[in-house]
C-alpha atoms as a PDB file:
ATOM      1  CA  MET A   1      -4.613  13.727  16.060  1.00  0.00           C
ATOM      2  CA  ARG A   2      -6.157  10.239  15.605  1.00  0.00           C
ATOM      3  CA  LEU A   3      -9.473  11.427  17.032  1.00  0.00           C
ATOM      4  CA  ALA A   4      -9.495  14.307  14.579  1.00  0.00           C
ATOM      5  CA  ARG A   5      -8.850  11.923  11.683  1.00  0.00           C
ATOM      6  CA  ALA A   6     -11.566   9.569  12.918  1.00  0.00           C
ATOM      7  CA  ALA A   7     -13.996  12.474  13.138  1.00  0.00           C
ATOM      8  CA  LEU A   8     -13.049  13.580   9.628  1.00  0.00           C
ATOM      9  CA  THR A   9     -13.552  10.058   8.309  1.00  0.00           C
ATOM     10  CA  VAL A  10     -17.039   9.990   9.801  1.00  0.00           C
ATOM     11  CA  ALA A  11     -17.714  13.433   8.340  1.00  0.00           C
ATOM     12  CA  ALA A  12     -16.409  12.316   4.952  1.00  0.00           C
ATOM     13  CA  THR A  13     -18.763   9.366   4.981  1.00  0.00           C
ATOM     14  CA  ALA A  14     -21.719  11.518   5.971  1.00  0.00           C
ATOM     15  CA  LEU A  15     -20.904  14.243   3.440  1.00  0.00           C
ATOM     16  CA  THR A  16     -20.123  11.947   0.506  1.00  0.00           C
ATOM     17  CA  PRO A  17     -23.364  12.662  -1.390  1.00  0.00           C
ATOM     18  CA  ALA A  18     -22.865  16.408  -1.022  1.00  0.00           C
ATOM     19  CA  LEU A  19     -19.226  16.160  -2.027  1.00  0.00           C
ATOM     20  CA  LEU A  20     -20.100  14.129  -5.095  1.00  0.00           C
ATOM     21  CA  LEU A  21     -22.310  16.950  -6.275  1.00  0.00           C
ATOM     22  CA  THR A  22     -20.022  19.847  -5.353  1.00  0.00           C
ATOM     23  CA  THR A  23     -16.574  18.474  -6.203  1.00  0.00           C
ATOM     24  CA  PRO A  24     -16.769  16.172  -9.203  1.00  0.00           C
ATOM     25  CA  ALA A  25     -13.006  16.068  -9.746  1.00  0.00           C
ATOM     26  CA  PHE A  26     -12.425  14.601  -6.335  1.00  0.00           C
ATOM     27  CA  ALA A  27     -15.390  12.283  -6.546  1.00  0.00           C
ATOM     28  CA  ALA A  28     -13.983  10.790  -9.727  1.00  0.00           C
ATOM     29  CA  SER A  29     -10.455  10.667  -8.396  1.00  0.00           C
ATOM     30  CA  GLY A  30     -11.072   7.952  -5.821  1.00  0.00           C
ATOM     31  CA  ALA A  31      -9.753   5.249  -8.109  1.00  0.00           C
ATOM     32  CA  THR A  32      -6.176   5.793  -9.109  1.00  0.00           C
ATOM     33  CA  THR A  33      -6.955   4.678 -12.628  1.00  0.00           C
ATOM     34  CA  VAL A  34      -9.453   7.491 -13.270  1.00  0.00           C
ATOM     35  CA  ALA A  35      -8.058  10.785 -12.012  1.00  0.00           C
ATOM     36  CA  THR A  36      -5.662  12.976 -13.939  1.00  0.00           C
ATOM     37  CA  ALA A  37      -3.860  16.191 -13.148  1.00  0.00           C
ATOM     38  CA  SER A  38      -6.194  18.090 -15.470  1.00  0.00           C
ATOM     39  CA  ASP A  39      -9.076  17.185 -13.131  1.00  0.00           C
ATOM     40  CA  ALA A  40      -7.530  19.348 -10.401  1.00  0.00           C
ATOM     41  CA  THR A  41      -7.100  22.471 -12.514  1.00  0.00           C
ATOM     42  CA  GLY A  42     -10.778  23.326 -12.547  1.00  0.00           C
ATOM     43  CA  SER A  43     -11.613  21.810  -9.189  1.00  0.00           C
ATOM     44  CA  GLY A  44     -11.815  25.054  -7.230  1.00  0.00           C
ATOM     45  CA  VAL A  45      -9.643  23.876  -4.348  1.00  0.00           C
ATOM     46  CA  GLY A  46      -8.967  27.523  -3.515  1.00  0.00           C
ATOM     47  CA  GLU A  47     -12.677  28.112  -2.933  1.00  0.00           C
ATOM     48  CA  MET A  48     -13.171  25.020  -0.759  1.00  0.00           C
ATOM     49  CA  SER A  49     -13.481  25.492   2.979  1.00  0.00           C
ATOM     50  CA  GLY A  50     -10.804  23.996   5.208  1.00  0.00           C
ATOM     51  CA  ASP A  51     -13.207  21.271   6.303  1.00  0.00           C
ATOM     52  CA  ASP A  52     -14.035  20.401   2.699  1.00  0.00           C
ATOM     53  CA  VAL A  53     -10.324  20.176   1.864  1.00  0.00           C
ATOM     54  CA  ARG A  54      -9.700  17.832   4.788  1.00  0.00           C
ATOM     55  CA  VAL A  55     -12.726  15.694   3.918  1.00  0.00           C
ATOM     56  CA  ALA A  56     -11.512  15.399   0.312  1.00  0.00           C
ATOM     57  CA  ILE A  57      -8.105  14.248   1.538  1.00  0.00           C
ATOM     58  CA  MET A  58      -9.661  11.783   3.979  1.00  0.00           C
ATOM     59  CA  ARG A  59     -11.662  10.285   1.116  1.00  0.00           C
ATOM     60  CA  ILE A  60      -8.412   9.735  -0.768  1.00  0.00           C
ATOM     61  CA  ILE A  61      -6.821   8.136   2.307  1.00  0.00           C
ATOM     62  CA  ALA A  62      -9.845   5.878   2.856  1.00  0.00           C
ATOM     63  CA  ASP A  63      -9.983   4.695  -0.764  1.00  0.00           C
ATOM     64  CA  PRO A  64      -8.530   1.159  -1.027  1.00  0.00           C
ATOM     65  CA  ASN A  65      -7.338   1.937  -4.588  1.00  0.00           C
ATOM     66  CA  THR A  66      -5.053   4.755  -3.420  1.00  0.00           C
ATOM     67  CA  GLY A  67      -1.399   3.993  -4.121  1.00  0.00           C
ATOM     68  CA  LYS A  68       1.336   4.083  -1.507  1.00  0.00           C
ATOM     69  CA  ALA A  69       2.903   7.373  -2.615  1.00  0.00           C
ATOM     70  CA  VAL A  70      -0.453   9.157  -2.779  1.00  0.00           C
ATOM     71  CA  TYR A  71      -1.422   7.686   0.593  1.00  0.00           C
ATOM     72  CA  ALA A  72       1.840   8.865   2.198  1.00  0.00           C
ATOM     73  CA  ALA A  73       1.523  12.345   0.673  1.00  0.00           C
ATOM     74  CA  ALA A  74      -2.085  12.593   1.848  1.00  0.00           C
ATOM     75  CA  GLN A  75      -1.107  11.575   5.384  1.00  0.00           C
ATOM     76  CA  ALA A  76       1.695  14.148   5.391  1.00  0.00           C
ATOM     77  CA  ALA A  77      -0.735  16.810   4.159  1.00  0.00           C
ATOM     78  CA  MET A  78      -3.185  15.968   6.943  1.00  0.00           C
ATOM     79  CA  ASP A  79      -0.374  16.430   9.465  1.00  0.00           C
ATOM     80  CA  GLY A  80       0.426  19.852   7.971  1.00  0.00           C
ATOM     81  CA  THR A  81      -1.286  23.192   7.618  1.00  0.00           C
ATOM     82  CA  ILE A  82      -4.321  24.007   5.488  1.00  0.00           C
ATOM     83  CA  GLU A  83      -1.888  25.379   2.892  1.00  0.00           C
ATOM     84  CA  ASP A  84      -0.123  21.996   2.834  1.00  0.00           C
ATOM     85  CA  GLN A  85      -3.488  20.317   2.373  1.00  0.00           C
ATOM     86  CA  ARG A  86      -4.506  22.616  -0.479  1.00  0.00           C
ATOM     87  CA  TYR A  87      -1.096  22.090  -2.114  1.00  0.00           C
ATOM     88  CA  PHE A  88      -1.627  18.328  -1.894  1.00  0.00           C
ATOM     89  CA  LEU A  89      -5.014  18.499  -3.624  1.00  0.00           C
ATOM     90  CA  GLU A  90      -3.817  20.896  -6.321  1.00  0.00           C
ATOM     91  CA  THR A  91      -0.283  19.606  -7.012  1.00  0.00           C
ATOM     92  CA  GLY A  92       1.218  17.141  -4.550  1.00  0.00           C
ATOM     93  CA  ARG A  93      -1.286  14.424  -5.267  1.00  0.00           C
ATOM     94  CA  TRP A  94      -0.392  14.373  -8.952  1.00  0.00           C
ATOM     95  CA  ILE A  95       3.321  14.214  -8.229  1.00  0.00           C
ATOM     96  CA  ALA A  96       2.702  11.255  -5.912  1.00  0.00           C
ATOM     97  CA  GLN A  97       0.332   9.667  -8.457  1.00  0.00           C
ATOM     98  CA  ALA A  98       3.094   9.759 -11.079  1.00  0.00           C
ATOM     99  CA  GLU A  99       5.360   7.928  -8.617  1.00  0.00           C
ATOM    100  CA  ASP A 100       2.689   5.280  -8.032  1.00  0.00           C
ATOM    101  CA  ASP A 101       2.237   4.958 -11.800  1.00  0.00           C
ATOM    102  CA  ARG A 102       5.991   4.425 -12.339  1.00  0.00           C
ATOM    103  CA  VAL A 103       5.921   1.647  -9.737  1.00  0.00           C
ATOM    104  CA  ALA A 104       2.888   0.041 -11.402  1.00  0.00           C
ATOM    105  CA  ILE A 105       4.655   0.070 -14.777  1.00  0.00           C
ATOM    106  CA  ALA A 106       7.813  -1.402 -13.248  1.00  0.00           C
ATOM    107  CA  ARG A 107       5.680  -4.234 -11.849  1.00  0.00           C
ATOM    108  CA  ILE A 108       4.258  -4.884 -15.308  1.00  0.00           C
ATOM    109  CA  LEU A 109       7.787  -5.027 -16.737  1.00  0.00           C
ATOM    110  CA  ALA A 110       9.166  -7.314 -14.026  1.00  0.00           C
ATOM    111  CA  PRO A 111       7.523 -10.560 -15.227  1.00  0.00           C
ATOM    112  CA  ALA A 112       7.556  -9.609 -18.933  1.00  0.00           C
ATOM    113  CA  ASP A 113       9.152 -12.171 -21.230  1.00  0.00           C
ATOM    114  CA  PRO A 114      11.392 -10.401 -23.781  1.00  0.00           C
ATOM    115  CA  LYS A 115      10.703 -13.173 -26.319  1.00  0.00           C
ATOM    116  CA  THR A 116       6.921 -12.868 -26.263  1.00  0.00           C
ATOM    117  CA  ASP A 117       5.961  -9.566 -24.635  1.00  0.00           C
ATOM    118  CA  LYS A 118       7.768  -7.213 -27.015  1.00  0.00           C
ATOM    119  CA  ALA A 119       4.912  -4.718 -27.428  1.00  0.00           C
ATOM    120  CA  VAL A 120       4.314  -4.494 -23.672  1.00  0.00           C
ATOM    121  CA  ILE A 121       8.027  -3.959 -23.019  1.00  0.00           C
ATOM    122  CA  ARG A 122       8.290  -1.373 -25.813  1.00  0.00           C
ATOM    123  CA  GLU A 123       5.241   0.637 -24.715  1.00  0.00           C
ATOM    124  CA  ALA A 124       6.072   0.467 -20.994  1.00  0.00           C
ATOM    125  CA  ASN A 125       9.623   1.643 -21.613  1.00  0.00           C
ATOM    126  CA  GLU A 126       8.370   4.437 -23.855  1.00  0.00           C
ATOM    127  CA  ALA A 127       6.048   5.640 -21.083  1.00  0.00           C
ATOM    128  CA  LEU A 128       8.889   5.489 -18.552  1.00  0.00           C
ATOM    129  CA  ASP A 129      11.270   7.275 -20.920  1.00  0.00           C
ATOM    130  CA  THR A 130       8.725  10.021 -21.608  1.00  0.00           C
ATOM    131  CA  ASN A 131       8.217  10.201 -17.825  1.00  0.00           C
ATOM    132  CA  THR A 132       5.336  12.659 -17.830  1.00  0.00           C
ATOM    133  CA  PRO A 133       2.333  12.027 -15.598  1.00  0.00           C
ATOM    134  CA  GLU A 134       0.132  11.968 -18.700  1.00  0.00           C
ATOM    135  CA  ALA A 135       2.266   9.377 -20.522  1.00  0.00           C
ATOM    136  CA  LEU A 136       2.447   7.135 -17.459  1.00  0.00           C
ATOM    137  CA  ARG A 137      -1.315   7.340 -16.917  1.00  0.00           C
ATOM    138  CA  ALA A 138      -2.070   6.776 -20.625  1.00  0.00           C
ATOM    139  CA  PHE A 139      -0.027   3.584 -20.630  1.00  0.00           C
ATOM    140  CA  LEU A 140      -1.785   2.245 -17.547  1.00  0.00           C
ATOM    141  CA  GLU A 141      -5.279   3.171 -18.739  1.00  0.00           C
ATOM    142  CA  THR A 142      -5.095   2.114 -22.396  1.00  0.00           C
ATOM    143  CA  GLY A 143      -1.571   1.498 -23.652  1.00  0.00           C
ATOM    144  CA  HIS A 144      -0.976  -1.647 -21.623  1.00  0.00           C
ATOM    145  CA  ARG A 145      -4.195  -3.274 -22.822  1.00  0.00           C
ATOM    146  CA  LEU A 146      -3.399  -2.442 -26.451  1.00  0.00           C
ATOM    147  CA  ALA A 147       0.181  -3.697 -26.142  1.00  0.00           C
ATOM    148  CA  VAL A 148      -1.004  -6.977 -24.621  1.00  0.00           C
ATOM    149  CA  ALA A 149      -3.443  -7.331 -27.524  1.00  0.00           C
ATOM    150  CA  GLU A 150      -0.606  -6.757 -30.007  1.00  0.00           C
ATOM    151  CA  ASP A 151       1.508  -9.442 -28.318  1.00  0.00           C
ATOM    152  CA  ASP A 152      -1.476 -11.812 -28.207  1.00  0.00           C
ATOM    153  CA  ARG A 153      -2.112 -11.279 -31.909  1.00  0.00           C
ATOM    154  CA  VAL A 154       1.502 -12.316 -32.616  1.00  0.00           C
ATOM    155  CA  ARG A 155       1.094 -15.432 -30.461  1.00  0.00           C
ATOM    156  CA  ILE A 156      -2.067 -16.427 -32.318  1.00  0.00           C
ATOM    157  CA  ALA A 157      -0.377 -15.782 -35.682  1.00  0.00           C
ATOM    158  CA  ARG A 158       2.383 -18.202 -34.636  1.00  0.00           C
ATOM    159  CA  ILE A 159      -0.243 -20.831 -33.864  1.00  0.00           C
ATOM    160  CA  LEU A 160      -1.789 -20.252 -37.295  1.00  0.00           C
ATOM    161  CA  ALA A 161       1.628 -20.562 -38.953  1.00  0.00           C
ATOM    162  CA  ASP A 162       1.919 -24.171 -37.767  1.00  0.00           C
ATOM    163  CA  PRO A 163       0.734 -26.395 -40.650  1.00  0.00           C
ATOM    164  CA  ALA A 164       0.136 -29.322 -38.290  1.00  0.00           C
ATOM    165  CA  ILE A 165      -2.766 -27.793 -36.308  1.00  0.00           C
ATOM    166  CA  SER A 166      -6.271 -29.167 -36.669  1.00  0.00           C
ATOM    167  CA  ASP A 167      -8.938 -27.487 -38.770  1.00  0.00           C
ATOM    168  CA  ALA A 168     -10.963 -26.767 -35.611  1.00  0.00           C
ATOM    169  CA  LEU A 169      -8.000 -25.068 -33.920  1.00  0.00           C
ATOM    170  CA  ARG A 170      -7.272 -23.084 -37.091  1.00  0.00           C
ATOM    171  CA  ALA A 171     -10.891 -21.886 -37.264  1.00  0.00           C
ATOM    172  CA  ALA A 172     -10.895 -20.922 -33.578  1.00  0.00           C
ATOM    173  CA  ALA A 173      -7.554 -19.099 -33.942  1.00  0.00           C
ATOM    174  CA  ASN A 174      -8.811 -17.191 -37.001  1.00  0.00           C
ATOM    175  CA  GLN A 175     -11.928 -16.169 -35.115  1.00  0.00           C
ATOM    176  CA  ALA A 176      -9.897 -15.085 -32.066  1.00  0.00           C
ATOM    177  CA  ILE A 177      -7.367 -13.033 -34.051  1.00  0.00           C
ATOM    178  CA  GLU A 178     -10.238 -11.042 -35.558  1.00  0.00           C
ATOM    179  CA  GLY A 179     -11.849 -10.509 -32.146  1.00  0.00           C
ATOM    180  CA  THR A 180     -11.412  -8.164 -29.216  1.00  0.00           C
ATOM    181  CA  PRO A 181      -8.342  -8.137 -26.962  1.00  0.00           C
ATOM    182  CA  GLU A 182     -10.366 -10.075 -24.384  1.00  0.00           C
ATOM    183  CA  GLU A 183     -11.346 -12.729 -26.948  1.00  0.00           C
ATOM    184  CA  MET A 184      -7.726 -13.169 -28.012  1.00  0.00           C
ATOM    185  CA  ARG A 185      -6.625 -13.484 -24.382  1.00  0.00           C
ATOM    186  CA  TYR A 186      -9.356 -16.056 -23.698  1.00  0.00           C
ATOM    187  CA  PHE A 187      -8.297 -18.071 -26.732  1.00  0.00           C
ATOM    188  CA  LEU A 188      -4.666 -18.120 -25.598  1.00  0.00           C
ATOM    189  CA  GLU A 189      -5.448 -18.972 -21.983  1.00  0.00           C
ATOM    190  CA  VAL A 190      -8.340 -21.408 -22.477  1.00  0.00           C
ATOM    191  CA  GLY A 191      -9.724 -21.814 -25.983  1.00  0.00           C
ATOM    192  CA  GLN A 192      -6.665 -23.203 -27.763  1.00  0.00           C
ATOM    193  CA  TYR A 193      -6.443 -26.063 -25.282  1.00  0.00           C
ATOM    194  CA  GLU A 194     -10.043 -27.057 -25.969  1.00  0.00           C
ATOM    195  CA  TYR A 195      -9.107 -27.721 -29.614  1.00  0.00           C
ATOM    196  CA  ARG A 196      -5.735 -29.399 -29.117  1.00  0.00           C
END
């Protein structure tokens, strides 16, 4: 079985350009932060040859961004029949992806400080409570970044509320609070200490 997987990995590497052109949903799904279940609906897995199905699964296995649940489900599919492999590409992968997403959100919550990370905690818990693959993915792709920005804005507002700060720090804080999430984060991690 290992020789067959090695041969498929070589074939996947050789066929990557062709696969990118013929199966865009799978080409985009290499990174776990990009693919969604809706990508699979129009993917034409039913029309793919058995070799193409196996190559698509091997690409998922070989991707370093593949989560543990997706990796395990892909390995199990490769050990099964062609029907198992098609089921994985059409449905099983998305079930496993939702599991990986729940784990990723739990990891975000683990170090969260309830005193300062209220938006992150609120949005993460809302995604977990909703518990749909779409809600989990939306939090990881955009919701987390926006919640961090909301928490950062509150932190900067607290700095601005201190009447004892210098004029230079006040100006930098005002500029940061009007900026992008990345600018606010930079101010909190680096910039504020340059003016203190």
